[in-house]
Amino acid sequence: MNPLETIGNLLPKETIGKAYDDALSGPAQQLGKFGTDALKTARLILAPLQIAAAFQDRLEKMCERTASACRRKDELSLRRRSLARRWSG
C-alpha cells in the first residue's frame, strides 16, 4: 500500500486539507506579493510612455479644436463675402 494512502486512512480528510492549506498558504501569499511588486515595477518603468500618451491625447484634442475653429472662420468669411456681393450687386 502507498504511504500516502496509509496517511489518508489514518487521518481525517479535514486534517489533511488543513495541513495542505497551511503548507501552501505562505508560499502562495509570497507569490501574490511578488506578482503585485512586479506589476508595480512594470507600471513605474512604463510611466514615461503613459505620460507621453496622455500628452499625445491632449495634443490631438487641441489640433481638432484648432482645425474646427479654422473651418468656422472660413465659413464665416465665405458668408460675409456672399452677403457683401449681394449688397454691392
C-alpha atoms as a PDB file:
ATOM      1  CA  MET A   1       0.000   0.000   0.000  1.00  0.00           C
ATOM      2  CA  ASN A   2       1.144   3.526  -0.801  1.00  0.00           C
ATOM      3  CA  PRO A   3       2.335   5.561   2.230  1.00  0.00           C
ATOM      4  CA  LEU A   4       0.105   8.478   1.253  1.00  0.00           C
ATOM      5  CA  GLU A   5      -2.917   6.207   1.192  1.00  0.00           C
ATOM      6  CA  THR A   6      -1.982   4.942   4.637  1.00  0.00           C
ATOM      7  CA  ILE A   7      -1.796   8.501   5.972  1.00  0.00           C
ATOM      8  CA  GLY A   8      -5.093   9.232   4.281  1.00  0.00           C
ATOM      9  CA  ASN A   9      -6.702   6.312   6.030  1.00  0.00           C
ATOM     10  CA  LEU A  10      -5.271   7.248   9.442  1.00  0.00           C
ATOM     11  CA  LEU A  11      -6.029  10.987   9.434  1.00  0.00           C
ATOM     12  CA  PRO A  12      -9.348  12.683   8.732  1.00  0.00           C
ATOM     13  CA  LYS A  13      -9.585  14.432   5.374  1.00  0.00           C
ATOM     14  CA  GLU A  14     -10.158  17.797   7.070  1.00  0.00           C
ATOM     15  CA  THR A  15      -6.812  17.498   8.863  1.00  0.00           C
ATOM     16  CA  ILE A  16      -5.014  16.657   5.627  1.00  0.00           C
ATOM     17  CA  GLY A  17      -6.727  19.555   3.859  1.00  0.00           C
ATOM     18  CA  LYS A  18      -5.815  21.946   6.662  1.00  0.00           C
ATOM     19  CA  ALA A  19      -2.162  20.823   6.638  1.00  0.00           C
ATOM     20  CA  TYR A  20      -2.089  21.239   2.858  1.00  0.00           C
ATOM     21  CA  ASP A  21      -3.597  24.728   3.125  1.00  0.00           C
ATOM     22  CA  ASP A  22      -1.153  25.737   5.857  1.00  0.00           C
ATOM     23  CA  ALA A  23       1.829  24.426   3.921  1.00  0.00           C
ATOM     24  CA  LEU A  24       0.922  26.292   0.743  1.00  0.00           C
ATOM     25  CA  SER A  25      -0.625  29.480   2.100  1.00  0.00           C
ATOM     26  CA  GLY A  26       2.715  31.138   2.904  1.00  0.00           C
ATOM     27  CA  PRO A  27       4.309  30.495  -0.489  1.00  0.00           C
ATOM     28  CA  ALA A  28       1.068  31.440  -2.239  1.00  0.00           C
ATOM     29  CA  GLN A  29       0.975  34.745  -0.373  1.00  0.00           C
ATOM     30  CA  GLN A  30       4.610  35.410  -1.213  1.00  0.00           C
ATOM     31  CA  LEU A  31       3.936  34.613  -4.862  1.00  0.00           C
ATOM     32  CA  GLY A  32       0.991  37.023  -4.791  1.00  0.00           C
ATOM     33  CA  LYS A  33       3.155  39.756  -3.274  1.00  0.00           C
ATOM     34  CA  PHE A  34       5.838  39.113  -5.881  1.00  0.00           C
ATOM     35  CA  GLY A  35       3.262  39.408  -8.647  1.00  0.00           C
ATOM     36  CA  THR A  36       1.978  42.677  -7.188  1.00  0.00           C
ATOM     37  CA  ASP A  37       5.502  44.066  -6.910  1.00  0.00           C
ATOM     38  CA  ALA A  38       6.293  43.001 -10.477  1.00  0.00           C
ATOM     39  CA  LEU A  39       3.213  44.804 -11.794  1.00  0.00           C
ATOM     40  CA  LYS A  40       4.019  47.931  -9.799  1.00  0.00           C
ATOM     41  CA  THR A  41       7.566  47.893 -11.173  1.00  0.00           C
ATOM     42  CA  ALA A  42       6.315  47.464 -14.729  1.00  0.00           C
ATOM     43  CA  ARG A  43       3.926  50.389 -14.294  1.00  0.00           C
ATOM     44  CA  LEU A  44       6.746  52.517 -12.899  1.00  0.00           C
ATOM     45  CA  ILE A  45       9.004  51.639 -15.826  1.00  0.00           C
ATOM     46  CA  LEU A  46       6.214  52.351 -18.321  1.00  0.00           C
ATOM     47  CA  ALA A  47       5.150  55.615 -16.658  1.00  0.00           C
ATOM     48  CA  PRO A  48       7.034  57.824 -19.170  1.00  0.00           C
ATOM     49  CA  LEU A  49       5.149  56.119 -22.003  1.00  0.00           C
ATOM     50  CA  GLN A  50       1.839  56.643 -20.233  1.00  0.00           C
ATOM     51  CA  ILE A  51       2.653  60.314 -19.705  1.00  0.00           C
ATOM     52  CA  ALA A  52       3.657  60.717 -23.352  1.00  0.00           C
ATOM     53  CA  ALA A  53       0.407  59.054 -24.437  1.00  0.00           C
ATOM     54  CA  ALA A  54      -1.593  61.436 -22.239  1.00  0.00           C
ATOM     55  CA  PHE A  55       0.169  64.425 -23.795  1.00  0.00           C
ATOM     56  CA  GLN A  56      -0.474  62.959 -27.255  1.00  0.00           C
ATOM     57  CA  ASP A  57      -4.204  62.772 -26.463  1.00  0.00           C
ATOM     58  CA  ARG A  58      -4.184  66.393 -25.309  1.00  0.00           C
ATOM     59  CA  LEU A  59      -2.277  67.484 -28.427  1.00  0.00           C
ATOM     60  CA  GLU A  60      -4.745  65.649 -30.663  1.00  0.00           C
ATOM     61  CA  LYS A  61      -7.725  67.355 -29.000  1.00  0.00           C
ATOM     62  CA  MET A  62      -6.023  70.737 -29.296  1.00  0.00           C
ATOM     63  CA  CYS A  63      -5.366  70.166 -33.019  1.00  0.00           C
ATOM     64  CA  GLU A  64      -9.004  69.144 -33.532  1.00  0.00           C
ATOM     65  CA  ARG A  65     -10.224  72.296 -31.764  1.00  0.00           C
ATOM     66  CA  THR A  66      -7.873  74.460 -33.837  1.00  0.00           C
ATOM     67  CA  ALA A  67      -8.968  72.848 -37.103  1.00  0.00           C
ATOM     68  CA  SER A  68     -12.618  73.249 -36.134  1.00  0.00           C
ATOM     69  CA  ALA A  69     -12.080  76.917 -35.298  1.00  0.00           C
ATOM     70  CA  CYS A  70     -10.338  77.460 -38.645  1.00  0.00           C
ATOM     71  CA  ARG A  71     -13.232  75.822 -40.506  1.00  0.00           C
ATOM     72  CA  ARG A  72     -15.703  78.089 -38.690  1.00  0.00           C
ATOM     73  CA  LYS A  73     -13.660  81.169 -39.602  1.00  0.00           C
ATOM     74  CA  ASP A  74     -13.536  80.065 -43.239  1.00  0.00           C
ATOM     75  CA  GLU A  75     -17.294  79.509 -43.267  1.00  0.00           C
ATOM     76  CA  LEU A  76     -17.910  82.947 -41.745  1.00  0.00           C
ATOM     77  CA  SER A  77     -15.567  84.535 -44.249  1.00  0.00           C
ATOM     78  CA  LEU A  78     -17.419  82.886 -47.151  1.00  0.00           C
ATOM     79  CA  ARG A  79     -20.784  84.027 -45.760  1.00  0.00           C
ATOM     80  CA  ARG A  80     -19.535  87.593 -45.389  1.00  0.00           C
ATOM     81  CA  ARG A  81     -18.262  87.631 -48.968  1.00  0.00           C
ATOM     82  CA  SER A  82     -21.545  86.234 -50.186  1.00  0.00           C
ATOM     83  CA  LEU A  83     -23.511  88.866 -48.281  1.00  0.00           C
ATOM     84  CA  ALA A  84     -21.180  91.608 -49.480  1.00  0.00           C
ATOM     85  CA  ARG A  85     -21.736  90.549 -53.111  1.00  0.00           C
ATOM     86  CA  ARG A  86     -25.496  90.592 -52.611  1.00  0.00           C
ATOM     87  CA  TRP A  87     -25.456  94.094 -51.153  1.00  0.00           C
ATOM     88  CA  SER A  88     -22.990  95.541 -53.638  1.00  0.00           C
ATOM     89  CA  GLY A  89     -24.518  93.879 -56.710  1.00  0.00           C
END
